[in-house]
Protein backbone atom coordinates (compact mmCIF):
# COMPACT_ATOMS: atom_id res chain seq x y z
CA GLY A 1 20.43 -13.35 -5.19
CA SER A 2 17.91 -15.65 -7.05
CA ALA A 3 14.67 -15.62 -5.39
CA THR A 4 13.88 -19.15 -6.06
CA VAL A 5 10.90 -21.24 -4.78
CA GLU A 6 13.42 -23.12 -2.52
CA LYS A 7 14.80 -19.82 -0.81
CA LEU A 8 11.52 -18.35 -0.50
CA ALA A 9 10.00 -21.19 1.46
CA THR A 10 13.03 -21.41 3.48
CA ASN A 11 12.38 -17.59 4.69
CA ALA A 12 8.31 -18.48 4.94
CA VAL A 13 9.38 -21.13 7.35
CA MET A 14 11.43 -18.70 9.09
CA ALA A 15 8.73 -16.17 9.38
CA GLY A 16 6.36 -18.51 10.92
CA CYS A 17 4.30 -19.14 7.78
CA GLU A 18 1.82 -22.16 7.23
CA PRO A 19 1.99 -23.91 3.65
CA ASP A 20 -0.93 -22.08 2.90
CA TYR A 21 0.63 -18.73 3.23
CA MET A 22 2.80 -19.39 0.38
CA PRO A 23 1.19 -18.84 -2.59
CA PHE A 24 0.94 -14.99 -1.07
CA VAL A 25 4.22 -14.94 -0.61
CA LEU A 26 5.54 -16.19 -4.20
CA ALA A 27 2.86 -13.71 -5.75
CA ALA A 28 3.82 -10.75 -3.54
CA MET A 29 7.31 -11.60 -4.30
CA GLN A 30 6.82 -11.54 -7.89
CA ALA A 31 5.12 -8.28 -8.02
CA MET A 32 8.17 -6.46 -6.02
CA LEU A 33 10.30 -7.88 -8.97
CA GLN A 34 8.52 -6.00 -11.59
CA PRO A 35 10.48 -3.35 -12.96
CA GLU A 36 7.79 -0.77 -11.95
CA PHE A 37 8.39 -1.18 -8.18
CA ASP A 38 12.00 -0.11 -8.18
CA LEU A 39 13.16 -3.26 -5.65
CA SER A 40 16.75 -2.26 -5.61
CA GLU A 41 16.13 1.56 -4.98
CA VAL A 42 13.44 0.63 -2.26
CA GLN A 43 16.08 -1.72 -0.70
CA SER A 44 18.63 1.09 -0.62
CA THR A 45 17.24 4.45 0.01
CA THR A 46 17.55 6.41 3.04
CA HIS A 47 13.67 6.86 3.34
CA SER A 48 11.56 4.59 5.20
CA ILE A 49 9.68 2.64 2.78
CA ALA A 50 8.33 -0.53 3.20
CA PRO A 51 6.27 -2.76 1.31
CA LEU A 52 2.29 -2.42 2.01
CA VAL A 53 0.70 -5.82 0.80
CA ILE A 54 -2.91 -5.84 0.28
CA VAL A 55 -5.04 -9.16 -0.34
CA ASN A 56 -8.09 -9.35 -2.30
CA GLY A 57 -10.00 -12.58 -3.06
CA PRO A 58 -11.57 -15.39 -1.59
CA LEU A 59 -8.31 -17.18 -0.71
CA GLY A 60 -7.27 -14.64 1.49
CA SER A 61 -10.21 -14.86 3.94
CA ILE A 62 -9.91 -18.89 4.04
CA THR A 63 -6.40 -18.49 4.42
CA GLY A 64 -7.12 -16.01 7.89
CA ILE A 65 -5.58 -13.04 6.43
CA ALA A 66 -7.30 -10.32 8.37
CA SER A 67 -9.24 -7.42 7.23
CA GLY A 68 -10.70 -5.81 10.48
CA PHE A 69 -9.98 -5.25 13.93
CA GLY A 70 -6.17 -4.63 14.27
CA ALA A 71 -5.33 -6.09 10.83
CA LEU A 72 -2.00 -4.50 10.76
CA GLY A 73 -1.26 -5.44 14.35
CA PRO A 74 -0.26 -8.33 16.37
CA GLY A 75 -2.38 -11.47 16.64
CA HIS A 76 -2.89 -12.34 13.15
CA ARG A 77 -0.46 -14.89 12.17
CA ALA A 78 -1.34 -14.99 8.18
CA ASN A 79 -0.71 -11.01 7.94
CA ALA A 80 2.05 -10.96 10.07
CA SER A 81 3.94 -14.07 8.83
CA ILE A 82 3.65 -13.23 5.17
CA GLY A 83 4.91 -9.99 5.67
CA ARG A 84 7.54 -10.90 7.29
CA ALA A 85 8.63 -13.70 5.06
CA LEU A 86 9.00 -11.07 2.40
CA ARG A 87 11.03 -8.82 4.77
CA LEU A 88 13.47 -11.72 5.37
CA ALA A 89 13.93 -12.88 1.68
CA MET A 90 14.68 -9.19 0.88
CA MET A 91 17.51 -9.43 3.71
CA ASN A 92 18.79 -12.95 2.96
CA ILE A 93 18.45 -13.03 -0.72
CA GLY A 94 18.22 -9.60 -1.61
CA GLY A 95 21.32 -8.54 0.81
CA ALA A 96 19.25 -5.83 2.66
CA LYS A 97 21.80 -4.95 5.75
CA PRO A 98 20.93 -1.71 7.93
CA GLY A 99 23.51 0.66 7.57
CA VAL A 100 25.22 -1.28 4.79
CA SER A 101 22.93 -2.03 1.83
CA ASP A 102 19.56 -0.69 3.42
CA MET A 103 20.34 2.78 4.30
CA ALA A 104 16.85 3.59 5.86
CA LEU A 105 17.90 6.34 8.41
CA LEU A 106 15.10 5.16 10.76
CA GLY A 107 12.89 2.81 9.41
CA HIS A 108 9.63 2.07 10.74
CA PRO A 109 7.73 -1.16 12.22
CA GLY A 110 6.05 -2.00 8.78
CA LYS A 111 10.01 -2.84 7.73
CA PHE A 112 9.06 -6.08 9.93
CA SER A 113 5.91 -6.88 8.19
CA MET A 114 2.94 -4.62 6.48
CA CYS A 115 -0.12 -7.17 5.25
CA LEU A 116 -3.78 -7.12 5.49
CA ALA A 117 -6.92 -8.44 3.35
CA GLU A 118 -9.19 -5.71 2.08
CA ALA A 119 -12.64 -6.02 3.80
CA GLU A 120 -14.50 -6.81 0.56
CA GLN A 121 -17.55 -8.70 2.54
CA VAL A 122 -18.24 -5.23 4.60
CA SER A 123 -16.93 -2.62 1.65
CA PRO A 124 -19.63 -0.70 -0.04
CA PHE A 125 -17.20 -0.46 -3.19
CA PRO A 126 -16.32 -3.30 -5.76
CA PRO A 127 -12.76 -4.73 -4.60
CA LEU A 128 -9.26 -2.89 -5.10
CA THR A 129 -8.48 -5.35 -7.97
CA GLU A 130 -11.18 -3.74 -10.07
CA MET A 131 -8.64 -0.89 -10.88
CA TRP A 132 -6.43 -3.55 -12.21
CA GLY A 133 -9.02 -4.94 -14.65
CA TYR A 134 -9.22 -8.35 -12.65
CA PRO A 135 -12.20 -10.10 -13.02
CA ALA A 136 -14.50 -10.31 -9.93
CA GLY A 137 -13.34 -13.11 -7.49
CA SER A 138 -9.82 -13.00 -8.13
CA ASP A 139 -6.94 -14.02 -5.87
CA VAL A 140 -4.72 -10.78 -6.04
CA VAL A 141 -2.03 -9.10 -4.05
CA THR A 142 -1.22 -5.52 -4.56
CA VAL A 143 2.17 -4.03 -3.23
CA LEU A 144 3.15 -0.55 -2.91
CA GLY A 145 6.24 0.83 -1.25
CA THR A 146 4.72 3.21 1.66
CA GLU A 147 5.73 4.93 4.92
CA ALA A 148 3.78 3.68 8.06
CA PRO A 149 0.00 4.61 8.29
CA HIS A 150 -0.94 8.01 9.19
CA SER A 151 -4.04 8.15 11.31
CA VAL A 152 -7.17 9.98 9.71
CA MET A 153 -9.66 10.66 12.76
CA PHE A 154 -13.19 11.99 11.69
CA VAL A 155 -16.38 12.00 13.83
CA ASN A 156 -19.35 11.42 11.19
CA ASP A 157 -22.65 13.38 12.10
CA ALA A 158 -25.47 11.87 10.38
CA ASP A 159 -27.32 15.48 10.62
CA ASP A 160 -24.85 16.96 8.88
CA PRO A 161 -24.89 16.99 5.22
CA ASP A 162 -21.28 18.43 4.73
CA SER A 163 -20.19 15.17 6.74
CA PRO A 164 -19.00 13.15 3.34
CA ASP A 165 -17.08 16.37 2.17
CA ARG A 166 -15.66 17.02 5.60
CA LEU A 167 -13.95 13.32 5.60
CA LEU A 168 -12.46 14.10 1.87
CA ARG A 169 -11.21 17.13 3.11
CA ILE A 170 -9.60 15.59 6.18
CA LEU A 171 -7.98 12.65 3.81
CA ALA A 172 -6.64 15.32 1.70
CA GLU A 173 -5.10 17.48 4.74
CA VAL A 174 -3.47 14.03 5.68
CA CYS A 175 -2.31 13.28 1.88
CA THR A 176 -0.72 16.73 1.58
CA ASN A 177 1.17 16.65 4.83
CA ALA A 178 4.39 18.80 5.16
CA GLY A 179 6.56 15.77 6.15
CA SER A 180 5.64 13.17 3.48
CA ASN A 181 7.45 12.89 0.25
CA ASN A 182 4.55 13.27 -2.32
CA LEU A 183 4.24 16.96 -1.46
CA TYR A 184 7.51 17.59 -2.59
CA LEU A 185 8.27 14.64 -5.46
CA ARG A 186 4.73 14.40 -6.65
CA THR A 187 5.26 11.14 -8.54
CA GLY A 188 4.25 8.29 -6.10
CA ALA A 189 0.69 7.16 -4.89
CA VAL A 190 -1.04 6.99 -1.67
CA ALA A 191 -3.11 4.03 -0.37
CA ILE A 192 -6.05 5.03 1.56
CA ALA A 193 -7.33 2.43 3.86
CA LEU A 194 -11.17 3.44 4.83
CA ASN A 195 -12.71 1.85 7.76
CA PRO A 196 -16.16 0.49 6.88
CA GLU A 197 -17.98 3.26 8.58
CA HIS A 198 -15.94 5.92 6.75
CA ALA A 199 -16.38 4.08 3.63
CA ASN A 200 -20.17 3.91 4.01
CA VAL A 201 -20.55 7.84 4.78
CA LEU A 202 -18.98 8.19 1.52
CA ALA A 203 -21.17 5.53 -0.58
CA LYS A 204 -24.25 6.75 0.97
CA ALA A 205 -23.38 10.09 -0.47
CA GLY A 206 -23.11 8.92 -3.78
CA HIS A 207 -19.62 8.33 -4.19
CA THR A 208 -17.78 5.69 -6.03
CA ARG A 209 -14.06 4.44 -5.98
CA GLN A 210 -13.41 6.83 -8.73
CA THR A 211 -15.55 9.91 -7.65
CA ILE A 212 -13.39 9.67 -4.30
CA GLN A 213 -10.16 9.75 -6.39
CA GLU A 214 -11.19 12.32 -8.50
CA GLN A 215 -12.21 14.54 -5.42
CA LEU A 216 -9.31 13.76 -3.73
CA PHE A 217 -6.95 14.51 -6.56
CA ASP A 218 -8.79 18.22 -6.92
CA LEU A 219 -8.32 18.62 -3.14
CA CYS A 220 -4.67 17.62 -3.05
CA HIS A 221 -3.58 20.51 -4.98
CA VAL A 222 -1.49 23.13 -2.93
CA GLU A 223 0.08 26.53 -3.84
CA ARG A 224 3.93 26.42 -5.06
CA SER A 225 4.37 28.99 -2.28
CA ARG A 226 3.71 26.43 0.23
CA ILE A 227 6.27 24.05 -0.96
CA ARG A 228 8.76 27.01 -1.15
CA SER A 229 8.19 27.87 2.03
CA LEU A 230 8.97 24.74 3.43
CA ASN A 231 11.88 22.75 1.25
CA ALA A 232 12.80 25.43 -1.12
CA ALA A 233 14.85 23.40 -2.97
CA LEU A 234 12.27 20.89 -3.78
CA ALA A 235 9.53 23.44 -5.09
CA PRO A 236 8.79 23.25 -8.71
CA ARG A 237 9.64 26.22 -10.98
CA GLY A 238 6.88 28.33 -11.59
CA ASN A 239 4.55 31.17 -10.20
CA ASP A 240 4.09 30.97 -6.35
CA ASN A 241 0.31 30.88 -7.03
CA ASP A 242 0.54 28.01 -9.32
CA SER A 243 -1.56 25.06 -8.17
CA ILE A 244 0.68 21.78 -7.74
CA ALA A 245 -0.77 18.41 -7.23
CA VAL A 246 0.55 15.76 -5.20
CA VAL A 247 0.09 12.72 -7.42
CA GLU A 248 0.11 12.56 -11.18
CA ASN A 249 -3.72 11.35 -11.67
CA PRO A 250 -6.60 10.27 -9.48
CA ASP A 251 -5.73 6.56 -10.22
CA ARG A 252 -2.55 7.13 -7.90
CA PHE A 253 -5.10 7.10 -4.70
CA LEU A 254 -5.19 3.31 -3.84
CA VAL A 255 -8.70 3.39 -1.99
CA PHE A 256 -9.56 0.16 -0.21
CA VAL A 257 -11.55 -0.81 2.92
CA ALA A 258 -10.13 -2.30 5.92
CA GLY A 259 -10.20 -2.03 9.42
CA ALA A 260 -13.23 -1.65 11.87
CA ASP A 261 -15.96 0.84 12.57
CA GLY A 262 -14.94 3.89 14.36
CA LEU A 263 -13.17 7.22 14.32
CA TYR A 264 -10.03 6.16 12.49
CA SER A 265 -9.00 5.47 9.15
CA ALA A 266 -5.50 5.53 7.78
CA VAL A 267 -3.68 7.17 4.94
CA PHE A 268 0.11 5.50 3.39
CA PRO A 269 1.86 8.22 1.70
CA SER A 270 4.69 6.65 -0.72
CA TRP A 271 8.18 7.44 -1.05
CA SER A 272 7.38 8.73 -4.56
CA ALA A 273 10.74 8.28 -5.88
CA GLY A 274 12.71 5.69 -7.90
CA ALA A 275 13.23 5.14 -11.83
CA HIS A 276 9.39 4.65 -11.88
CA GLY A 277 8.10 6.76 -9.38
CA ASN A 278 7.04 4.41 -6.72
CA ASN A 279 4.14 2.88 -8.38
CA ALA A 280 1.79 -0.06 -6.99
CA VAL A 281 2.09 -3.44 -8.64
CA HIS A 282 0.03 -6.37 -8.44
CA GLN A 283 -0.02 -10.11 -8.97
CA LEU A 284 -2.29 -12.92 -9.53
CA VAL A 285 -2.21 -15.48 -6.74
CA ILE A 286 -2.32 -18.90 -7.96
CA GLY A 287 -3.46 -21.31 -5.18
CA ASP A 288 -3.89 -24.55 -6.68
CA GLN A 289 -0.08 -25.36 -7.31
CA ALA A 290 1.14 -27.40 -4.05
CA CYS A 291 3.04 -24.07 -3.51
CA GLU A 292 4.74 -24.24 -6.72
CA VAL A 293 3.95 -21.63 -9.15
CA PRO A 294 4.36 -22.58 -12.73
CA PHE A 295 6.20 -19.70 -13.58
CA MET A 296 8.69 -19.83 -11.07
CA SER A 297 8.85 -23.67 -10.96
CA SER A 298 11.46 -23.86 -13.98
CA GLY A 299 14.02 -21.28 -12.79
CA ASN A 300 15.04 -18.60 -10.71
CA VAL A 301 13.65 -15.18 -10.42
CA THR A 302 16.41 -12.68 -9.48
CA ALA A 303 16.11 -10.36 -6.84
């Protein structure tokens, strides 16, 4: 179908969106319609992939998109309804029907809704949008097709100089877990939501987003023999002692800050398939158009 503003608005209303949420729904859909997102494949794969929407910029906070306690849980209307509006649009406009055109064997709860904001106010790092080259203060949505979040438990010890490295090693262990496609297909991205406490452990050790990405890239190499022993059909050709990276380059780690201080951060592995290898996409949010975005108001956008 054609994702017109009218049709998207209809699905947003059904999802419980306030009018102020519409610019985020529109921007997220526009991002998902970029060829790099491989929406048709995302809709039809047997994998459990679902769009993870990360919001940056002051409009997100003003609109009430949560970034802290329970940001991906119940109780946050903006988060829940924006993500739900996208899913309803994928079903009602895009035709995704379980077992017919949406072939996810099991799915996961994020296929209902998976939207949150980056906790920019408490983050020791610049916003995620810095990776995409947007000016500071830009309102942007980033979308990546991911699995459900995988828990990362880390107990900081301020007296242990190895604490930052331990955290990075734990993150790498989760990123290379034997059940996720990243280990076998190695073309996708991985989203990493550091809680503010964990982010500050790394920042106080001198880490930037770039150095975190680079160290994770180095740590997220596995021997070909491990892949062969788990899923031989998916092992790349070569020597068993060859070191294989689970992503193509450090920029494939989307490191952002969300959640609340404590023991738990999260890793979101990706599908790592599709014509473009399951890339993250991003789109500027236009918040002053009375819910009518210029590039969409003059015609249809094909879903």
